[in-house]
Amino acid sequence: MTIVTGILFHLSVTDQPTVTKFTTGTPGNTVVEGTTVTLTCSANGYPAPTYTIKRQNTPVVSNGGKFEITNVQLNEEANMYSCETQNAVGSGPREQLQITVIGKDRDFFF
């Protein structure tokens, strides 16, 4: 006599998103006036998170955790940017970033 038993388990692991990096990609988030900079937000989480980048608490148009600022001006320093992540499990903690702008006529070293 042969007995066959089969048990099928389905394990689904989910994880609330957590921002792992929010940066301009430059040292100290410092950029030169008149240049273009891309803010990049990356996060862990499952299912894969979606991203909301905000300038002064107002959402900006971003693409997959990236937001490009063209022709950066000195007054950009007044803005605080934040990255917020969401997935089916919930929302992760917000990360903030402030850009430091160096005038294009000043000497600087990175």
PDB file of N, CA and C in Angstrom:
ATOM      1  N   MET A   1       0.845  -1.151   0.000  1.00  0.00           N
ATOM      2  CA  MET A   1       0.000   0.000   0.000  1.00  0.00           C
ATOM      3  C   MET A   1       0.905   1.232   0.000  1.00  0.00           C
ATOM      4  N   THR A   2       0.607   2.212  -0.846  1.00  0.00           N
ATOM      5  CA  THR A   2       1.371   3.449  -0.941  1.00  0.00           C
ATOM      6  C   THR A   2       0.495   4.610  -0.488  1.00  0.00           C
ATOM      7  N   ILE A   3       1.052   5.440   0.415  1.00  0.00           N
ATOM      8  CA  ILE A   3       0.331   6.628   0.881  1.00  0.00           C
ATOM      9  C   ILE A   3       1.101   7.856   0.405  1.00  0.00           C
ATOM     10  N   VAL A   4       0.409   8.722  -0.255  1.00  0.00           N
ATOM     11  CA  VAL A   4       1.021   9.964  -0.744  1.00  0.00           C
ATOM     12  C   VAL A   4       0.347  11.124  -0.036  1.00  0.00           C
ATOM     13  N   THR A   5       1.153  11.893   0.610  1.00  0.00           N
ATOM     14  CA  THR A   5       0.633  13.105   1.239  1.00  0.00           C
ATOM     15  C   THR A   5       1.392  14.301   0.694  1.00  0.00           C
ATOM     16  N   GLY A   6       0.689  15.315   0.397  1.00  0.00           N
ATOM     17  CA  GLY A   6       1.319  16.536  -0.085  1.00  0.00           C
ATOM     18  C   GLY A   6       0.688  17.739   0.584  1.00  0.00           C
ATOM     19  N   ILE A   7       1.516  18.530   1.093  1.00  0.00           N
ATOM     20  CA  ILE A   7       1.046  19.775   1.702  1.00  0.00           C
ATOM     21  C   ILE A   7       1.725  20.915   0.964  1.00  0.00           C
ATOM     22  N   LEU A   8       0.923  21.807   0.513  1.00  0.00           N
ATOM     23  CA  LEU A   8       1.439  22.956  -0.220  1.00  0.00           C
ATOM     24  C   LEU A   8       1.321  24.191   0.661  1.00  0.00           C
ATOM     25  N   PHE A   9       2.430  24.818   0.882  1.00  0.00           N
ATOM     26  CA  PHE A   9       2.447  26.057   1.649  1.00  0.00           C
ATOM     27  C   PHE A   9       2.752  27.211   0.720  1.00  0.00           C
ATOM     28  N   HIS A  10       2.119  28.329   0.970  1.00  0.00           N
ATOM     29  CA  HIS A  10       2.426  29.546   0.232  1.00  0.00           C
ATOM     30  C   HIS A  10       2.836  30.585   1.261  1.00  0.00           C
ATOM     31  N   LEU A  11       4.058  30.999   1.168  1.00  0.00           N
ATOM     32  CA  LEU A  11       4.586  31.984   2.099  1.00  0.00           C
ATOM     33  C   LEU A  11       4.737  33.303   1.361  1.00  0.00           C
ATOM     34  N   SER A  12       4.128  34.317   1.884  1.00  0.00           N
ATOM     35  CA  SER A  12       4.211  35.643   1.271  1.00  0.00           C
ATOM     36  C   SER A  12       4.819  36.599   2.288  1.00  0.00           C
ATOM     37  N   VAL A  13       5.980  37.108   1.958  1.00  0.00           N
ATOM     38  CA  VAL A  13       6.676  38.025   2.858  1.00  0.00           C
ATOM     39  C   VAL A  13       6.492  39.441   2.346  1.00  0.00           C
ATOM     40  N   THR A  14       6.066  40.312   3.213  1.00  0.00           N
ATOM     41  CA  THR A  14       5.918  41.717   2.852  1.00  0.00           C
ATOM     42  C   THR A  14       6.734  42.553   3.826  1.00  0.00           C
ATOM     43  N   ASP A  15       7.109  43.728   3.364  1.00  0.00           N
ATOM     44  CA  ASP A  15       7.945  44.578   4.194  1.00  0.00           C
ATOM     45  C   ASP A  15       7.614  46.033   3.890  1.00  0.00           C
ATOM     46  N   GLN A  16       7.354  46.789   4.933  1.00  0.00           N
ATOM     47  CA  GLN A  16       7.096  48.220   4.787  1.00  0.00           C
ATOM     48  C   GLN A  16       8.331  48.894   4.210  1.00  0.00           C
ATOM     49  N   PRO A  17       8.162  49.862   3.316  1.00  0.00           N
ATOM     50  CA  PRO A  17       9.329  50.490   2.692  1.00  0.00           C
ATOM     51  C   PRO A  17      10.126  51.368   3.663  1.00  0.00           C
ATOM     52  N   THR A  18      11.421  51.413   3.411  1.00  0.00           N
ATOM     53  CA  THR A  18      12.330  52.270   4.164  1.00  0.00           C
ATOM     54  C   THR A  18      13.286  52.922   3.183  1.00  0.00           C
ATOM     55  N   VAL A  19      13.396  54.242   3.220  1.00  0.00           N
ATOM     56  CA  VAL A  19      14.317  54.961   2.343  1.00  0.00           C
ATOM     57  C   VAL A  19      15.744  54.582   2.730  1.00  0.00           C
ATOM     58  N   THR A  20      16.522  54.156   1.737  1.00  0.00           N
ATOM     59  CA  THR A  20      17.916  53.800   1.990  1.00  0.00           C
ATOM     60  C   THR A  20      18.869  54.920   1.586  1.00  0.00           C
ATOM     61  N   LYS A  21      18.418  55.756   0.638  1.00  0.00           N
ATOM     62  CA  LYS A  21      19.267  56.867   0.209  1.00  0.00           C
ATOM     63  C   LYS A  21      18.398  57.946  -0.428  1.00  0.00           C
ATOM     64  N   PHE A  22      18.688  59.199  -0.100  1.00  0.00           N
ATOM     65  CA  PHE A  22      18.043  60.363  -0.734  1.00  0.00           C
ATOM     66  C   PHE A  22      19.137  61.398  -0.910  1.00  0.00           C
ATOM     67  N   THR A  23      19.555  61.633  -2.153  1.00  0.00           N
ATOM     68  CA  THR A  23      20.754  62.434  -2.403  1.00  0.00           C
ATOM     69  C   THR A  23      20.705  63.120  -3.769  1.00  0.00           C
ATOM     70  N   THR A  24      21.595  64.096  -3.923  1.00  0.00           N
ATOM     71  CA  THR A  24      21.817  64.717  -5.240  1.00  0.00           C
ATOM     72  C   THR A  24      22.942  64.003  -5.968  1.00  0.00           C
ATOM     73  N   GLY A  25      23.646  63.143  -5.254  1.00  0.00           N
ATOM     74  CA  GLY A  25      24.786  62.447  -5.839  1.00  0.00           C
ATOM     75  C   GLY A  25      26.073  63.255  -5.782  1.00  0.00           C
ATOM     76  N   THR A  26      26.034  64.408  -5.124  1.00  0.00           N
ATOM     77  CA  THR A  26      27.225  65.243  -4.987  1.00  0.00           C
ATOM     78  C   THR A  26      27.602  65.323  -3.509  1.00  0.00           C
ATOM     79  N   PRO A  27      28.877  65.546  -3.209  1.00  0.00           N
ATOM     80  CA  PRO A  27      29.290  65.655  -1.800  1.00  0.00           C
ATOM     81  C   PRO A  27      28.517  66.760  -1.073  1.00  0.00           C
ATOM     82  N   GLY A  28      27.930  66.410   0.051  1.00  0.00           N
ATOM     83  CA  GLY A  28      27.201  67.390   0.843  1.00  0.00           C
ATOM     84  C   GLY A  28      25.963  67.939   0.165  1.00  0.00           C
ATOM     85  N   ASN A  29      25.486  67.263  -0.892  1.00  0.00           N
ATOM     86  CA  ASN A  29      24.341  67.749  -1.675  1.00  0.00           C
ATOM     87  C   ASN A  29      24.565  69.184  -2.142  1.00  0.00           C
ATOM     88  N   THR A  30      25.822  69.470  -2.516  1.00  0.00           N
ATOM     89  CA  THR A  30      26.219  70.795  -2.993  1.00  0.00           C
ATOM     90  C   THR A  30      26.251  70.808  -4.516  1.00  0.00           C
ATOM     91  N   VAL A  31      25.616  71.825  -5.096  1.00  0.00           N
ATOM     92  CA  VAL A  31      25.579  71.956  -6.555  1.00  0.00           C
ATOM     93  C   VAL A  31      25.967  73.374  -6.954  1.00  0.00           C
ATOM     94  N   VAL A  32      26.380  73.522  -8.192  1.00  0.00           N
ATOM     95  CA  VAL A  32      26.796  74.826  -8.708  1.00  0.00           C
ATOM     96  C   VAL A  32      25.601  75.501  -9.370  1.00  0.00           C
ATOM     97  N   GLU A  33      25.432  76.774  -9.084  1.00  0.00           N
ATOM     98  CA  GLU A  33      24.368  77.568  -9.672  1.00  0.00           C
ATOM     99  C   GLU A  33      24.386  77.422 -11.195  1.00  0.00           C
ATOM    100  N   GLY A  34      23.201  77.267 -11.777  1.00  0.00           N
ATOM    101  CA  GLY A  34      23.068  77.187 -13.230  1.00  0.00           C
ATOM    102  C   GLY A  34      23.163  75.775 -13.791  1.00  0.00           C
ATOM    103  N   THR A  35      23.544  74.801 -12.957  1.00  0.00           N
ATOM    104  CA  THR A  35      23.662  73.431 -13.444  1.00  0.00           C
ATOM    105  C   THR A  35      22.348  72.672 -13.239  1.00  0.00           C
ATOM    106  N   THR A  36      22.330  71.440 -13.704  1.00  0.00           N
ATOM    107  CA  THR A  36      21.184  70.556 -13.514  1.00  0.00           C
ATOM    108  C   THR A  36      21.548  69.524 -12.463  1.00  0.00           C
ATOM    109  N   VAL A  37      20.615  69.229 -11.579  1.00  0.00           N
ATOM    110  CA  VAL A  37      20.847  68.233 -10.536  1.00  0.00           C
ATOM    111  C   VAL A  37      19.646  67.286 -10.489  1.00  0.00           C
ATOM    112  N   THR A  38      19.924  66.031 -10.203  1.00  0.00           N
ATOM    113  CA  THR A  38      18.857  65.041 -10.064  1.00  0.00           C
ATOM    114  C   THR A  38      18.827  64.535  -8.631  1.00  0.00           C
ATOM    115  N   LEU A  39      17.695  64.712  -7.971  1.00  0.00           N
ATOM    116  CA  LEU A  39      17.490  64.150  -6.651  1.00  0.00           C
ATOM    117  C   LEU A  39      17.072  62.705  -6.850  1.00  0.00           C
ATOM    118  N   THR A  40      17.722  61.789  -6.139  1.00  0.00           N
ATOM    119  CA  THR A  40      17.434  60.368  -6.293  1.00  0.00           C
ATOM    120  C   THR A  40      17.079  59.776  -4.939  1.00  0.00           C
ATOM    121  N   CYS A  41      15.937  59.117  -4.901  1.00  0.00           N
ATOM    122  CA  CYS A  41      15.480  58.444  -3.694  1.00  0.00           C
ATOM    123  C   CYS A  41      15.408  56.953  -3.991  1.00  0.00           C
ATOM    124  N   SER A  42      15.988  56.145  -3.123  1.00  0.00           N
ATOM    125  CA  SER A  42      15.880  54.694  -3.261  1.00  0.00           C
ATOM    126  C   SER A  42      15.430  54.128  -1.922  1.00  0.00           C
ATOM    127  N   ALA A  43      14.741  52.975  -1.999  1.00  0.00           N
ATOM    128  CA  ALA A  43      14.175  52.390  -0.785  1.00  0.00           C
ATOM    129  C   ALA A  43      14.091  50.877  -0.895  1.00  0.00           C
ATOM    130  N   ASN A  44      14.051  50.238   0.271  1.00  0.00           N
ATOM    131  CA  ASN A  44      13.778  48.811   0.369  1.00  0.00           C
ATOM    132  C   ASN A  44      12.295  48.636   0.643  1.00  0.00           C
ATOM    133  N   GLY A  45      11.802  47.446   0.441  1.00  0.00           N
ATOM    134  CA  GLY A  45      10.419  47.127   0.768  1.00  0.00           C
ATOM    135  C   GLY A  45       9.854  46.136  -0.223  1.00  0.00           C
ATOM    136  N   TYR A  46       8.864  45.347   0.220  1.00  0.00           N
ATOM    137  CA  TYR A  46       8.191  44.426  -0.681  1.00  0.00           C
ATOM    138  C   TYR A  46       6.725  44.396  -0.314  1.00  0.00           C
ATOM    139  N   PRO A  47       5.856  44.600  -1.283  1.00  0.00           N
ATOM    140  CA  PRO A  47       6.146  44.822  -2.697  1.00  0.00           C
ATOM    141  C   PRO A  47       6.925  46.116  -2.929  1.00  0.00           C
ATOM    142  N   ALA A  48       7.497  46.231  -4.115  1.00  0.00           N
ATOM    143  CA  ALA A  48       8.329  47.393  -4.452  1.00  0.00           C
ATOM    144  C   ALA A  48       7.574  48.682  -4.145  1.00  0.00           C
ATOM    145  N   PRO A  49       8.251  49.630  -3.518  1.00  0.00           N
ATOM    146  CA  PRO A  49       7.570  50.872  -3.142  1.00  0.00           C
ATOM    147  C   PRO A  49       7.405  51.837  -4.307  1.00  0.00           C
ATOM    148  N   THR A  50       6.456  52.734  -4.137  1.00  0.00           N
ATOM    149  CA  THR A  50       6.330  53.892  -5.010  1.00  0.00           C
ATOM    150  C   THR A  50       6.892  55.073  -4.233  1.00  0.00           C
ATOM    151  N   TYR A  51       7.264  56.122  -4.951  1.00  0.00           N
ATOM    152  CA  TYR A  51       7.948  57.259  -4.348  1.00  0.00           C
ATOM    153  C   TYR A  51       7.152  58.540  -4.549  1.00  0.00           C
ATOM    154  N   THR A  52       7.173  59.388  -3.538  1.00  0.00           N
ATOM    155  CA  THR A  52       6.641  60.741  -3.654  1.00  0.00           C
ATOM    156  C   THR A  52       7.741  61.684  -3.189  1.00  0.00           C
ATOM    157  N   ILE A  53       8.205  62.547  -4.099  1.00  0.00           N
ATOM    158  CA  ILE A  53       9.187  63.567  -3.734  1.00  0.00           C
ATOM    159  C   ILE A  53       8.432  64.880  -3.608  1.00  0.00           C
ATOM    160  N   LYS A  54       8.706  65.581  -2.529  1.00  0.00           N
ATOM    161  CA  LYS A  54       8.024  66.849  -2.276  1.00  0.00           C
ATOM    162  C   LYS A  54       9.032  67.982  -2.120  1.00  0.00           C
ATOM    163  N   ARG A  55       8.625  69.161  -2.557  1.00  0.00           N
ATOM    164  CA  ARG A  55       9.372  70.402  -2.323  1.00  0.00           C
ATOM    165  C   ARG A  55       8.498  71.240  -1.411  1.00  0.00           C
ATOM    166  N   GLN A  56       9.003  71.528  -0.214  1.00  0.00           N
ATOM    167  CA  GLN A  56       8.227  72.305   0.765  1.00  0.00           C
ATOM    168  C   GLN A  56       6.841  71.678   0.979  1.00  0.00           C
ATOM    169  N   ASN A  57       6.761  70.369   1.128  1.00  0.00           N
ATOM    170  CA  ASN A  57       5.524  69.629   1.390  1.00  0.00           C
ATOM    171  C   ASN A  57       4.543  69.580   0.225  1.00  0.00           C
ATOM    172  N   THR A  58       4.959  70.033  -0.965  1.00  0.00           N
ATOM    173  CA  THR A  58       4.119  69.951  -2.158  1.00  0.00           C
ATOM    174  C   THR A  58       4.726  68.930  -3.114  1.00  0.00           C
ATOM    175  N   PRO A  59       3.956  67.886  -3.495  1.00  0.00           N
ATOM    176  CA  PRO A  59       4.504  66.884  -4.415  1.00  0.00           C
ATOM    177  C   PRO A  59       4.972  67.501  -5.730  1.00  0.00           C
ATOM    178  N   VAL A  60       6.095  67.014  -6.224  1.00  0.00           N
ATOM    179  CA  VAL A  60       6.616  67.429  -7.528  1.00  0.00           C
ATOM    180  C   VAL A  60       6.514  66.236  -8.472  1.00  0.00           C
ATOM    181  N   VAL A  61       6.581  66.495  -9.748  1.00  0.00           N
ATOM    182  CA  VAL A  61       6.532  65.413 -10.723  1.00  0.00           C
ATOM    183  C   VAL A  61       7.870  64.685 -10.683  1.00  0.00           C
ATOM    184  N   SER A  62       7.823  63.428 -10.289  1.00  0.00           N
ATOM    185  CA  SER A  62       9.046  62.639 -10.225  1.00  0.00           C
ATOM    186  C   SER A  62       8.814  61.341 -10.979  1.00  0.00           C
ATOM    187  N   ASN A  63       9.906  60.706 -11.334  1.00  0.00           N
ATOM    188  CA  ASN A  63       9.830  59.483 -12.114  1.00  0.00           C
ATOM    189  C   ASN A  63      10.598  58.383 -11.393  1.00  0.00           C
ATOM    190  N   GLY A  64       9.878  57.479 -10.750  1.00  0.00           N
ATOM    191  CA  GLY A  64      10.524  56.359 -10.090  1.00  0.00           C
ATOM    192  C   GLY A  64      11.543  56.744  -9.042  1.00  0.00           C
ATOM    193  N   GLY A  65      11.264  57.778  -8.278  1.00  0.00           N
ATOM    194  CA  GLY A  65      12.185  58.197  -7.232  1.00  0.00           C
ATOM    195  C   GLY A  65      13.246  59.182  -7.684  1.00  0.00           C
ATOM    196  N   LYS A  66      13.087  59.741  -8.881  1.00  0.00           N
ATOM    197  CA  LYS A  66      14.053  60.731  -9.382  1.00  0.00           C
ATOM    198  C   LYS A  66      13.324  62.022  -9.739  1.00  0.00           C
ATOM    199  N   PHE A  67      13.964  63.140  -9.397  1.00  0.00           N
ATOM    200  CA  PHE A  67      13.414  64.456  -9.722  1.00  0.00           C
ATOM    201  C   PHE A  67      14.556  65.339 -10.190  1.00  0.00           C
ATOM    202  N   GLU A  68      14.411  65.915 -11.372  1.00  0.00           N
ATOM    203  CA  GLU A  68      15.470  66.737 -11.963  1.00  0.00           C
ATOM    204  C   GLU A  68      15.140  68.219 -11.826  1.00  0.00           C
ATOM    205  N   ILE A  69      16.137  68.966 -11.372  1.00  0.00           N
ATOM    206  CA  ILE A  69      16.016  70.422 -11.281  1.00  0.00           C
ATOM    207  C   ILE A  69      17.011  71.002 -12.289  1.00  0.00           C
ATOM    208  N   THR A  70      16.506  71.726 -13.274  1.00  0.00           N
ATOM    209  CA  THR A  70      17.387  72.339 -14.265  1.00  0.00           C
ATOM    210  C   THR A  70      17.672  73.779 -13.871  1.00  0.00           C
ATOM    211  N   ASN A  71      18.847  74.262 -14.252  1.00  0.00           N
ATOM    212  CA  ASN A  71      19.232  75.646 -14.005  1.00  0.00           C
ATOM    213  C   ASN A  71      19.045  76.035 -12.527  1.00  0.00           C
ATOM    214  N   VAL A  72      19.690  75.298 -11.656  1.00  0.00           N
ATOM    215  CA  VAL A  72      19.581  75.526 -10.207  1.00  0.00           C
ATOM    216  C   VAL A  72      20.009  76.955  -9.872  1.00  0.00           C
ATOM    217  N   GLN A  73      19.210  77.626  -9.052  1.00  0.00           N
ATOM    218  CA  GLN A  73      19.498  78.992  -8.638  1.00  0.00           C
ATOM    219  C   GLN A  73      19.760  79.044  -7.134  1.00  0.00           C
ATOM    220  N   LEU A  74      20.381  80.133  -6.684  1.00  0.00           N
ATOM    221  CA  LEU A  74      20.735  80.276  -5.270  1.00  0.00           C
ATOM    222  C   LEU A  74      19.534  80.146  -4.345  1.00  0.00           C
ATOM    223  N   ASN A  75      18.362  80.620  -4.784  1.00  0.00           N
ATOM    224  CA  ASN A  75      17.181  80.561  -3.913  1.00  0.00           C
ATOM    225  C   ASN A  75      16.687  79.128  -3.694  1.00  0.00           C
ATOM    226  N   GLU A  76      17.251  78.159  -4.410  1.00  0.00           N
ATOM    227  CA  GLU A  76      16.873  76.757  -4.223  1.00  0.00           C
ATOM    228  C   GLU A  76      17.244  76.278  -2.822  1.00  0.00           C
ATOM    229  N   GLU A  77      18.228  76.935  -2.189  1.00  0.00           N
ATOM    230  CA  GLU A  77      18.633  76.566  -0.841  1.00  0.00           C
ATOM    231  C   GLU A  77      17.507  76.722   0.173  1.00  0.00           C
ATOM    232  N   ALA A  78      16.554  77.575  -0.134  1.00  0.00           N
ATOM    233  CA  ALA A  78      15.454  77.825   0.796  1.00  0.00           C
ATOM    234  C   ALA A  78      14.475  76.648   0.836  1.00  0.00           C
ATOM    235  N   ASN A  79      14.550  75.748  -0.138  1.00  0.00           N
ATOM    236  CA  ASN A  79      13.597  74.645  -0.223  1.00  0.00           C
ATOM    237  C   ASN A  79      14.090  73.404   0.518  1.00  0.00           C
ATOM    238  N   MET A  80      13.175  72.772   1.224  1.00  0.00           N
ATOM    239  CA  MET A  80      13.439  71.483   1.844  1.00  0.00           C
ATOM    240  C   MET A  80      12.723  70.434   0.998  1.00  0.00           C
ATOM    241  N   TYR A  81      13.453  69.410   0.601  1.00  0.00           N
ATOM    242  CA  TYR A  81      12.883  68.321  -0.178  1.00  0.00           C
ATOM    243  C   TYR A  81      12.702  67.113   0.727  1.00  0.00           C
ATOM    244  N   SER A  82      11.693  66.317   0.424  1.00  0.00           N
ATOM    245  CA  SER A  82      11.485  65.085   1.180  1.00  0.00           C
ATOM    246  C   SER A  82      11.122  63.957   0.227  1.00  0.00           C
ATOM    247  N   CYS A  83      11.454  62.751   0.636  1.00  0.00           N
ATOM    248  CA  CYS A  83      11.102  61.549  -0.102  1.00  0.00           C
ATOM    249  C   CYS A  83      10.252  60.690   0.813  1.00  0.00           C
ATOM    250  N   GLU A  84       9.087  60.300   0.306  1.00  0.00           N
ATOM    251  CA  GLU A  84       8.191  59.427   1.042  1.00  0.00           C
ATOM    252  C   GLU A  84       7.924  58.191   0.197  1.00  0.00           C
ATOM    253  N   THR A  85       7.867  57.032   0.837  1.00  0.00           N
ATOM    254  CA  THR A  85       7.663  55.780   0.119  1.00  0.00           C
ATOM    255  C   THR A  85       6.397  55.095   0.623  1.00  0.00           C
ATOM    256  N   GLN A  86       5.746  54.387  -0.296  1.00  0.00           N
ATOM    257  CA  GLN A  86       4.529  53.672   0.050  1.00  0.00           C
ATOM    258  C   GLN A  86       4.511  52.336  -0.689  1.00  0.00           C
ATOM    259  N   ASN A  87       3.888  51.339  -0.074  1.00  0.00           N
ATOM    260  CA  ASN A  87       3.562  50.097  -0.769  1.00  0.00           C
ATOM    261  C   ASN A  87       2.307  49.527  -0.115  1.00  0.00           C
ATOM    262  N   ALA A  88       1.929  48.297  -0.475  1.00  0.00           N
ATOM    263  CA  ALA A  88       0.700  47.702   0.036  1.00  0.00           C
ATOM    264  C   ALA A  88       0.726  47.510   1.552  1.00  0.00           C
ATOM    265  N   VAL A  89       1.907  47.457   2.152  1.00  0.00           N
ATOM    266  CA  VAL A  89       2.031  47.259   3.589  1.00  0.00           C
ATOM    267  C   VAL A  89       1.823  48.574   4.342  1.00  0.00           C
ATOM    268  N   GLY A  90       2.247  49.688   3.746  1.00  0.00           N
ATOM    269  CA  GLY A  90       2.093  50.976   4.406  1.00  0.00           C
ATOM    270  C   GLY A  90       3.085  51.996   3.892  1.00  0.00           C
ATOM    271  N   SER A  91       3.253  53.044   4.664  1.00  0.00           N
ATOM    272  CA  SER A  91       4.173  54.126   4.321  1.00  0.00           C
ATOM    273  C   SER A  91       5.402  54.038   5.208  1.00  0.00           C
ATOM    274  N   GLY A  92       6.548  54.341   4.609  1.00  0.00           N
ATOM    275  CA  GLY A  92       7.789  54.335   5.369  1.00  0.00           C
ATOM    276  C   GLY A  92       8.091  55.717   5.923  1.00  0.00           C
ATOM    277  N   PRO A  93       9.125  55.817   6.751  1.00  0.00           N
ATOM    278  CA  PRO A  93       9.512  57.119   7.291  1.00  0.00           C
ATOM    279  C   PRO A  93      10.025  58.049   6.192  1.00  0.00           C
ATOM    280  N   ARG A  94       9.794  59.323   6.374  1.00  0.00           N
ATOM    281  CA  ARG A  94      10.193  60.340   5.399  1.00  0.00           C
ATOM    282  C   ARG A  94      11.650  60.733   5.615  1.00  0.00           C
ATOM    283  N   GLU A  95      12.366  60.906   4.507  1.00  0.00           N
ATOM    284  CA  GLU A  95      13.745  61.411   4.556  1.00  0.00           C
ATOM    285  C   GLU A  95      13.751  62.812   3.954  1.00  0.00           C
ATOM    286  N   GLN A  96      14.555  63.711   4.529  1.00  0.00           N
ATOM    287  CA  GLN A  96      14.632  65.085   4.031  1.00  0.00           C
ATOM    288  C   GLN A  96      16.010  65.404   3.495  1.00  0.00           C
ATOM    289  N   LEU A  97      16.050  66.399   2.615  1.00  0.00           N
ATOM    290  CA  LEU A  97      17.298  66.821   1.965  1.00  0.00           C
ATOM    291  C   LEU A  97      17.205  68.314   1.672  1.00  0.00           C
ATOM    292  N   GLN A  98      18.295  69.014   1.876  1.00  0.00           N
ATOM    293  CA  GLN A  98      18.388  70.418   1.509  1.00  0.00           C
ATOM    294  C   GLN A  98      19.611  70.584   0.624  1.00  0.00           C
ATOM    295  N   ILE A  99      19.443  71.312  -0.456  1.00  0.00           N
ATOM    296  CA  ILE A  99      20.522  71.531  -1.415  1.00  0.00           C
ATOM    297  C   ILE A  99      21.318  72.773  -1.014  1.00  0.00           C
ATOM    298  N   THR A 100      22.640  72.674  -1.107  1.00  0.00           N
ATOM    299  CA  THR A 100      23.506  73.833  -0.938  1.00  0.00           C
ATOM    300  C   THR A 100      23.940  74.260  -2.331  1.00  0.00           C
ATOM    301  N   VAL A 101      23.720  75.531  -2.666  1.00  0.00           N
ATOM    302  CA  VAL A 101      24.053  76.039  -4.000  1.00  0.00           C
ATOM    303  C   VAL A 101      25.248  76.977  -3.896  1.00  0.00           C
ATOM    304  N   ILE A 102      26.254  76.719  -4.732  1.00  0.00           N
ATOM    305  CA  ILE A 102      27.444  77.562  -4.798  1.00  0.00           C
ATOM    306  C   ILE A 102      27.325  78.443  -6.030  1.00  0.00           C
ATOM    307  N   GLY A 103      27.516  79.746  -5.860  1.00  0.00           N
ATOM    308  CA  GLY A 103      27.462  80.668  -6.992  1.00  0.00           C
ATOM    309  C   GLY A 103      28.470  80.268  -8.054  1.00  0.00           C
ATOM    310  N   LYS A 104      28.089  80.375  -9.309  1.00  0.00           N
ATOM    311  CA  LYS A 104      28.972  79.903 -10.385  1.00  0.00           C
ATOM    312  C   LYS A 104      30.247  80.718 -10.518  1.00  0.00           C
ATOM    313  N   ASP A 105      30.293  81.894  -9.918  1.00  0.00           N
ATOM    314  CA  ASP A 105      31.501  82.729 -10.002  1.00  0.00           C
ATOM    315  C   ASP A 105      32.435  82.534  -8.811  1.00  0.00           C
ATOM    316  N   ARG A 106      32.065  81.631  -7.880  1.00  0.00           N
ATOM    317  CA  ARG A 106      32.900  81.398  -6.689  1.00  0.00           C
ATOM    318  C   ARG A 106      33.839  80.222  -6.931  1.00  0.00           C
ATOM    319  N   ASP A 107      34.950  80.228  -6.249  1.00  0.00           N
ATOM    320  CA  ASP A 107      35.864  79.090  -6.275  1.00  0.00           C
ATOM    321  C   ASP A 107      35.325  78.026  -5.330  1.00  0.00           C
ATOM    322  N   PHE A 108      35.409  76.779  -5.736  1.00  0.00           N
ATOM    323  CA  PHE A 108      34.958  75.699  -4.887  1.00  0.00           C
ATOM    324  C   PHE A 108      35.755  74.451  -5.191  1.00  0.00           C
ATOM    325  N   PHE A 109      35.778  73.564  -4.223  1.00  0.00           N
ATOM    326  CA  PHE A 109      36.470  72.280  -4.365  1.00  0.00           C
ATOM    327  C   PHE A 109      35.572  71.193  -3.833  1.00  0.00           C
ATOM    328  N   PHE A 110      35.484  70.077  -4.555  1.00  0.00           N
ATOM    329  CA  PHE A 110      34.711  68.911  -4.077  1.00  0.00           C
ATOM    330  C   PHE A 110      35.674  67.872  -3.630  1.00  0.00           C
TER     331      PHE A 110
END
